[in-house]
Amino acid sequence: MDFQDFKLKYQKKEVLEGLNEAPKTPLVSVLVQTYQHVDYIKECLDSILMQKTNFEFEIILGEDTSDDGTREICLNYAKQHPNKTRLFLHYRENDIHIGGSPTGRFILISNLISARGNYIALCEGDDY
């Protein structure tokens, strides 16, 4: 299944990408999936942003309509760090359910497809 077929099947509401100035050809894409991580997301993003590298990287930040303040924090970071952060605003309507429970698979697949880097690093929104 290609990404267009995937979106036709699972995307009920269009994912919005925020404006950014992230590198077009980074070496590494750091994928961050987050939902209800208000107590952790700042530390997660700060830990990525403070990395000293001699190569370009981007943060692919997928946020899933948190109602605990996580989305607002992500919007702030994207605004403060447009040269590193590509923010994708997702919606719970797009969640893929397994066994009746919502999962983060839609965001993960969307983040993977959006990544521009030659290498992928995963960092969940409550990791750092």
N, C-alpha and C. Protein backbone atom coordinates (compact mmCIF):
# COMPACT_ATOMS: atom_id res chain seq x y z
N MET A 1 0.85 -1.17 0.00
CA MET A 1 0.00 0.00 0.00
C MET A 1 0.90 1.24 0.00
N ASP A 2 0.69 2.14 -0.95
CA ASP A 2 1.48 3.36 -0.95
C ASP A 2 0.82 4.37 0.00
N PHE A 3 1.51 5.51 0.20
CA PHE A 3 1.03 6.48 1.19
C PHE A 3 -0.31 7.09 0.80
N GLN A 4 -0.55 7.31 -0.49
CA GLN A 4 -1.83 7.86 -0.92
C GLN A 4 -2.97 6.90 -0.57
N ASP A 5 -2.77 5.60 -0.83
CA ASP A 5 -3.79 4.61 -0.47
C ASP A 5 -3.98 4.56 1.05
N PHE A 6 -2.87 4.66 1.78
CA PHE A 6 -2.92 4.67 3.24
C PHE A 6 -3.78 5.85 3.73
N LYS A 7 -3.51 7.04 3.18
CA LYS A 7 -4.28 8.22 3.58
C LYS A 7 -5.76 8.08 3.21
N LEU A 8 -6.04 7.54 2.03
CA LEU A 8 -7.44 7.34 1.64
C LEU A 8 -8.17 6.42 2.61
N LYS A 9 -7.46 5.42 3.09
CA LYS A 9 -8.08 4.45 3.99
C LYS A 9 -8.23 4.97 5.42
N TYR A 10 -7.20 5.69 5.92
CA TYR A 10 -7.18 6.03 7.35
C TYR A 10 -7.35 7.51 7.67
N GLN A 11 -7.02 8.41 6.77
CA GLN A 11 -7.08 9.83 7.10
C GLN A 11 -8.51 10.35 6.94
N LYS A 12 -9.11 10.72 8.06
CA LYS A 12 -10.47 11.27 8.06
C LYS A 12 -10.43 12.80 8.05
N LYS A 13 -9.36 13.35 8.63
CA LYS A 13 -9.19 14.80 8.73
C LYS A 13 -7.75 15.12 8.34
N GLU A 14 -7.59 16.13 7.48
CA GLU A 14 -6.27 16.43 6.93
C GLU A 14 -5.27 16.85 8.01
N VAL A 15 -4.08 16.28 7.94
CA VAL A 15 -2.97 16.63 8.82
C VAL A 15 -2.41 17.96 8.34
N LEU A 16 -2.16 18.87 9.29
CA LEU A 16 -1.64 20.19 8.95
C LEU A 16 -0.15 20.27 9.25
N GLU A 17 0.62 20.77 8.29
CA GLU A 17 2.05 20.99 8.53
C GLU A 17 2.27 22.46 8.76
N GLY A 18 2.95 22.77 9.87
CA GLY A 18 3.26 24.16 10.18
C GLY A 18 4.36 24.70 9.29
N LEU A 19 4.43 26.01 9.19
CA LEU A 19 5.50 26.65 8.44
C LEU A 19 6.82 26.39 9.14
N ASN A 20 7.87 26.18 8.35
CA ASN A 20 9.17 25.92 8.94
C ASN A 20 10.27 26.27 7.96
N GLU A 21 11.47 26.29 8.48
CA GLU A 21 12.66 26.54 7.67
C GLU A 21 13.66 25.39 7.85
N ALA A 22 13.16 24.23 8.16
CA ALA A 22 14.02 23.06 8.41
C ALA A 22 14.80 22.72 7.15
N PRO A 23 15.97 22.12 7.34
CA PRO A 23 16.80 21.78 6.18
C PRO A 23 16.07 20.84 5.21
N LYS A 24 16.28 21.08 3.92
CA LYS A 24 15.63 20.25 2.90
C LYS A 24 16.32 18.89 2.74
N THR A 25 17.60 18.83 3.09
CA THR A 25 18.35 17.58 2.95
C THR A 25 19.14 17.27 4.22
N PRO A 26 18.45 17.05 5.34
CA PRO A 26 19.16 16.72 6.58
C PRO A 26 19.76 15.31 6.49
N LEU A 27 20.77 15.06 7.25
CA LEU A 27 21.31 13.71 7.32
C LEU A 27 20.41 12.83 8.19
N VAL A 28 19.89 13.41 9.28
CA VAL A 28 19.08 12.65 10.23
C VAL A 28 17.72 13.32 10.43
N SER A 29 16.69 12.50 10.47
CA SER A 29 15.35 12.94 10.86
C SER A 29 15.03 12.29 12.21
N VAL A 30 14.74 13.13 13.20
CA VAL A 30 14.35 12.63 14.52
C VAL A 30 12.83 12.69 14.58
N LEU A 31 12.20 11.54 14.70
CA LEU A 31 10.75 11.44 14.70
C LEU A 31 10.23 11.42 16.13
N VAL A 32 9.35 12.37 16.43
CA VAL A 32 8.75 12.47 17.76
C VAL A 32 7.24 12.38 17.60
N GLN A 33 6.66 11.37 18.20
CA GLN A 33 5.21 11.20 18.23
C GLN A 33 4.76 11.56 19.65
N THR A 34 3.75 12.42 19.76
CA THR A 34 3.35 12.84 21.10
C THR A 34 1.85 12.97 21.24
N TYR A 35 1.37 12.57 22.41
CA TYR A 35 -0.03 12.72 22.79
C TYR A 35 -0.09 12.73 24.32
N GLN A 36 -0.62 13.80 24.87
CA GLN A 36 -0.78 13.94 26.32
C GLN A 36 0.56 13.79 27.06
N HIS A 37 1.60 14.45 26.57
CA HIS A 37 2.93 14.37 27.18
C HIS A 37 3.35 15.70 27.78
N VAL A 38 2.41 16.48 28.30
CA VAL A 38 2.72 17.81 28.80
C VAL A 38 3.85 17.81 29.82
N ASP A 39 3.96 16.77 30.62
CA ASP A 39 5.00 16.73 31.66
C ASP A 39 6.38 16.34 31.12
N TYR A 40 6.46 15.94 29.85
CA TYR A 40 7.72 15.41 29.31
C TYR A 40 8.19 16.07 28.02
N ILE A 41 7.29 16.64 27.23
CA ILE A 41 7.62 17.04 25.86
C ILE A 41 8.70 18.13 25.81
N LYS A 42 8.70 19.06 26.75
CA LYS A 42 9.74 20.10 26.75
C LYS A 42 11.12 19.46 26.91
N GLU A 43 11.24 18.57 27.88
CA GLU A 43 12.53 17.91 28.11
C GLU A 43 12.94 17.07 26.91
N CYS A 44 11.97 16.42 26.29
CA CYS A 44 12.24 15.63 25.09
C CYS A 44 12.82 16.52 23.99
N LEU A 45 12.12 17.60 23.67
CA LEU A 45 12.55 18.47 22.58
C LEU A 45 13.86 19.18 22.91
N ASP A 46 14.01 19.63 24.17
CA ASP A 46 15.27 20.27 24.57
C ASP A 46 16.45 19.32 24.43
N SER A 47 16.24 18.04 24.78
CA SER A 47 17.34 17.07 24.70
C SER A 47 17.76 16.84 23.25
N ILE A 48 16.84 16.93 22.32
CA ILE A 48 17.17 16.79 20.90
C ILE A 48 17.87 18.05 20.40
N LEU A 49 17.32 19.20 20.74
CA LEU A 49 17.86 20.46 20.25
C LEU A 49 19.26 20.77 20.78
N MET A 50 19.62 20.24 21.95
CA MET A 50 20.93 20.54 22.51
C MET A 50 22.05 19.62 21.98
N GLN A 51 21.70 18.69 21.11
CA GLN A 51 22.72 17.81 20.56
C GLN A 51 23.70 18.61 19.70
N LYS A 52 24.98 18.36 19.90
CA LYS A 52 26.03 19.00 19.11
C LYS A 52 26.35 18.06 17.95
N THR A 53 26.14 18.54 16.74
CA THR A 53 26.41 17.71 15.56
C THR A 53 27.19 18.52 14.54
N ASN A 54 27.80 17.80 13.62
CA ASN A 54 28.47 18.47 12.49
C ASN A 54 27.70 18.17 11.21
N PHE A 55 26.40 17.89 11.36
CA PHE A 55 25.53 17.59 10.23
C PHE A 55 24.16 18.19 10.52
N GLU A 56 23.38 18.36 9.46
CA GLU A 56 22.02 18.88 9.58
C GLU A 56 21.07 17.79 10.06
N PHE A 57 20.13 18.18 10.90
CA PHE A 57 19.06 17.27 11.30
C PHE A 57 17.77 18.05 11.40
N GLU A 58 16.68 17.30 11.34
CA GLU A 58 15.35 17.89 11.48
C GLU A 58 14.59 17.10 12.54
N ILE A 59 13.66 17.78 13.18
CA ILE A 59 12.74 17.12 14.12
C ILE A 59 11.38 17.07 13.44
N ILE A 60 10.89 15.86 13.23
CA ILE A 60 9.54 15.66 12.69
C ILE A 60 8.65 15.44 13.91
N LEU A 61 7.85 16.44 14.24
CA LEU A 61 7.06 16.44 15.46
C LEU A 61 5.59 16.23 15.12
N GLY A 62 5.08 15.05 15.44
CA GLY A 62 3.68 14.72 15.18
C GLY A 62 2.88 14.79 16.48
N GLU A 63 1.93 15.71 16.54
CA GLU A 63 1.13 15.92 17.75
C GLU A 63 -0.32 15.53 17.47
N ASP A 64 -0.92 14.77 18.39
CA ASP A 64 -2.23 14.15 18.15
C ASP A 64 -3.37 14.76 18.96
N THR A 65 -3.55 16.08 18.86
CA THR A 65 -4.69 16.77 19.48
C THR A 65 -4.77 16.55 20.99
N SER A 66 -3.63 16.68 21.66
CA SER A 66 -3.63 16.59 23.12
C SER A 66 -4.46 17.72 23.71
N ASP A 67 -5.11 17.44 24.84
CA ASP A 67 -5.89 18.49 25.50
C ASP A 67 -5.29 18.85 26.86
N ASP A 68 -4.03 18.45 27.08
CA ASP A 68 -3.36 18.73 28.36
C ASP A 68 -2.31 19.84 28.25
N GLY A 69 -2.21 20.50 27.10
CA GLY A 69 -1.22 21.55 26.91
C GLY A 69 -0.05 21.14 26.03
N THR A 70 0.03 19.86 25.67
CA THR A 70 1.12 19.38 24.82
C THR A 70 1.12 20.09 23.47
N ARG A 71 -0.04 20.22 22.86
CA ARG A 71 -0.12 20.84 21.53
C ARG A 71 0.41 22.27 21.57
N GLU A 72 0.05 23.03 22.58
CA GLU A 72 0.51 24.41 22.70
C GLU A 72 2.04 24.47 22.85
N ILE A 73 2.60 23.55 23.60
CA ILE A 73 4.06 23.49 23.76
C ILE A 73 4.70 23.19 22.42
N CYS A 74 4.15 22.24 21.67
CA CYS A 74 4.69 21.89 20.35
C CYS A 74 4.62 23.08 19.40
N LEU A 75 3.51 23.80 19.42
CA LEU A 75 3.37 25.00 18.59
C LEU A 75 4.44 26.03 18.94
N ASN A 76 4.71 26.21 20.24
CA ASN A 76 5.74 27.14 20.69
C ASN A 76 7.12 26.73 20.20
N TYR A 77 7.46 25.45 20.36
CA TYR A 77 8.77 24.97 19.92
C TYR A 77 8.94 25.12 18.41
N ALA A 78 7.91 24.83 17.67
CA ALA A 78 7.98 24.98 16.21
C ALA A 78 8.21 26.44 15.83
N LYS A 79 7.57 27.33 16.57
CA LYS A 79 7.73 28.76 16.31
C LYS A 79 9.14 29.24 16.71
N GLN A 80 9.64 28.74 17.83
CA GLN A 80 10.95 29.16 18.34
C GLN A 80 12.11 28.52 17.57
N HIS A 81 11.88 27.36 16.99
CA HIS A 81 12.95 26.61 16.31
C HIS A 81 12.53 26.18 14.91
N PRO A 82 12.15 27.12 14.06
CA PRO A 82 11.66 26.75 12.72
C PRO A 82 12.76 26.18 11.83
N ASN A 83 14.01 26.41 12.19
CA ASN A 83 15.12 25.89 11.39
C ASN A 83 15.40 24.41 11.67
N LYS A 84 14.75 23.85 12.68
CA LYS A 84 14.95 22.44 13.02
C LYS A 84 13.66 21.64 13.07
N THR A 85 12.54 22.31 13.34
CA THR A 85 11.29 21.60 13.66
C THR A 85 10.26 21.67 12.54
N ARG A 86 9.77 20.50 12.17
CA ARG A 86 8.63 20.40 11.25
C ARG A 86 7.47 19.83 12.05
N LEU A 87 6.49 20.66 12.34
CA LEU A 87 5.35 20.27 13.16
C LEU A 87 4.20 19.81 12.29
N PHE A 88 3.66 18.64 12.62
CA PHE A 88 2.50 18.08 11.95
C PHE A 88 1.39 17.93 12.98
N LEU A 89 0.29 18.65 12.75
CA LEU A 89 -0.84 18.61 13.67
C LEU A 89 -1.82 17.54 13.20
N HIS A 90 -1.96 16.53 14.02
CA HIS A 90 -2.82 15.38 13.71
C HIS A 90 -4.13 15.49 14.47
N TYR A 91 -5.03 14.59 14.15
CA TYR A 91 -6.35 14.58 14.77
C TYR A 91 -6.71 13.16 15.17
N ARG A 92 -7.38 13.03 16.30
CA ARG A 92 -7.75 11.71 16.84
C ARG A 92 -8.63 10.93 15.86
N GLU A 93 -9.34 11.61 14.99
CA GLU A 93 -10.19 10.92 14.02
C GLU A 93 -9.37 10.00 13.11
N ASN A 94 -8.08 10.28 12.98
CA ASN A 94 -7.22 9.48 12.09
C ASN A 94 -6.58 8.29 12.79
N ASP A 95 -6.75 8.17 14.09
CA ASP A 95 -6.10 7.08 14.81
C ASP A 95 -6.50 5.72 14.25
N ILE A 96 -5.53 4.85 14.15
CA ILE A 96 -5.79 3.47 13.75
C ILE A 96 -6.05 2.69 15.03
N HIS A 97 -7.17 2.02 15.08
CA HIS A 97 -7.54 1.25 16.27
C HIS A 97 -7.15 -0.22 16.09
N ILE A 98 -6.62 -0.78 17.14
CA ILE A 98 -6.30 -2.21 17.17
C ILE A 98 -6.94 -2.78 18.42
N GLY A 99 -7.76 -3.78 18.24
CA GLY A 99 -8.48 -4.37 19.37
C GLY A 99 -9.39 -3.36 20.06
N GLY A 100 -9.88 -2.38 19.28
CA GLY A 100 -10.78 -1.38 19.83
C GLY A 100 -10.09 -0.20 20.51
N SER A 101 -8.76 -0.23 20.60
CA SER A 101 -8.02 0.85 21.26
C SER A 101 -7.24 1.67 20.23
N PRO A 102 -7.22 3.01 20.41
CA PRO A 102 -6.47 3.86 19.49
C PRO A 102 -4.97 3.64 19.65
N THR A 103 -4.26 3.74 18.54
CA THR A 103 -2.80 3.61 18.57
C THR A 103 -2.18 4.84 17.91
N GLY A 104 -0.88 4.98 18.01
CA GLY A 104 -0.15 6.07 17.38
C GLY A 104 0.41 5.69 16.02
N ARG A 105 -0.10 4.64 15.43
CA ARG A 105 0.46 4.14 14.16
C ARG A 105 0.28 5.12 13.00
N PHE A 106 -0.84 5.82 12.95
CA PHE A 106 -1.04 6.77 11.86
C PHE A 106 0.04 7.85 11.91
N ILE A 107 0.29 8.38 13.10
CA ILE A 107 1.30 9.43 13.25
C ILE A 107 2.69 8.88 12.92
N LEU A 108 3.02 7.70 13.39
CA LEU A 108 4.32 7.10 13.11
C LEU A 108 4.53 6.94 11.61
N ILE A 109 3.57 6.39 10.92
CA ILE A 109 3.70 6.18 9.47
C ILE A 109 3.78 7.52 8.74
N SER A 110 2.96 8.46 9.15
CA SER A 110 3.00 9.79 8.55
C SER A 110 4.36 10.46 8.78
N ASN A 111 4.89 10.35 10.00
CA ASN A 111 6.21 10.91 10.30
C ASN A 111 7.29 10.24 9.46
N LEU A 112 7.23 8.93 9.33
CA LEU A 112 8.22 8.21 8.52
C LEU A 112 8.20 8.68 7.07
N ILE A 113 7.01 8.84 6.51
CA ILE A 113 6.88 9.28 5.12
C ILE A 113 7.38 10.72 4.96
N SER A 114 7.19 11.55 5.98
CA SER A 114 7.57 12.96 5.91
C SER A 114 9.06 13.19 6.11
N ALA A 115 9.76 12.22 6.68
CA ALA A 115 11.18 12.38 6.99
C ALA A 115 11.99 12.58 5.72
N ARG A 116 12.93 13.51 5.78
CA ARG A 116 13.80 13.80 4.64
C ARG A 116 15.21 13.25 4.84
N GLY A 117 15.53 12.85 6.04
CA GLY A 117 16.89 12.41 6.35
C GLY A 117 17.25 11.07 5.77
N ASN A 118 18.56 10.84 5.64
CA ASN A 118 19.06 9.53 5.22
C ASN A 118 18.92 8.52 6.34
N TYR A 119 18.91 9.01 7.57
CA TYR A 119 18.81 8.16 8.76
C TYR A 119 17.64 8.63 9.60
N ILE A 120 17.03 7.68 10.31
CA ILE A 120 15.86 7.95 11.15
C ILE A 120 16.21 7.63 12.60
N ALA A 121 15.86 8.55 13.49
CA ALA A 121 15.97 8.31 14.93
C ALA A 121 14.57 8.48 15.51
N LEU A 122 14.19 7.60 16.41
CA LEU A 122 12.87 7.67 17.05
C LEU A 122 13.03 8.15 18.49
N CYS A 123 12.19 9.07 18.89
CA CYS A 123 12.18 9.55 20.27
C CYS A 123 10.74 9.88 20.62
N GLU A 124 10.11 9.04 21.41
CA GLU A 124 8.73 9.29 21.79
C GLU A 124 8.64 10.57 22.62
N GLY A 125 7.49 11.19 22.63
CA GLY A 125 7.31 12.47 23.31
C GLY A 125 7.53 12.44 24.81
N ASP A 126 7.55 11.26 25.42
CA ASP A 126 7.85 11.16 26.85
C ASP A 126 9.23 10.58 27.10
N ASP A 127 10.09 10.57 26.08
CA ASP A 127 11.48 10.13 26.22
C ASP A 127 12.39 11.34 26.08
N TYR A 128 13.60 11.19 26.57
CA TYR A 128 14.61 12.23 26.39
C TYR A 128 15.99 11.65 26.62
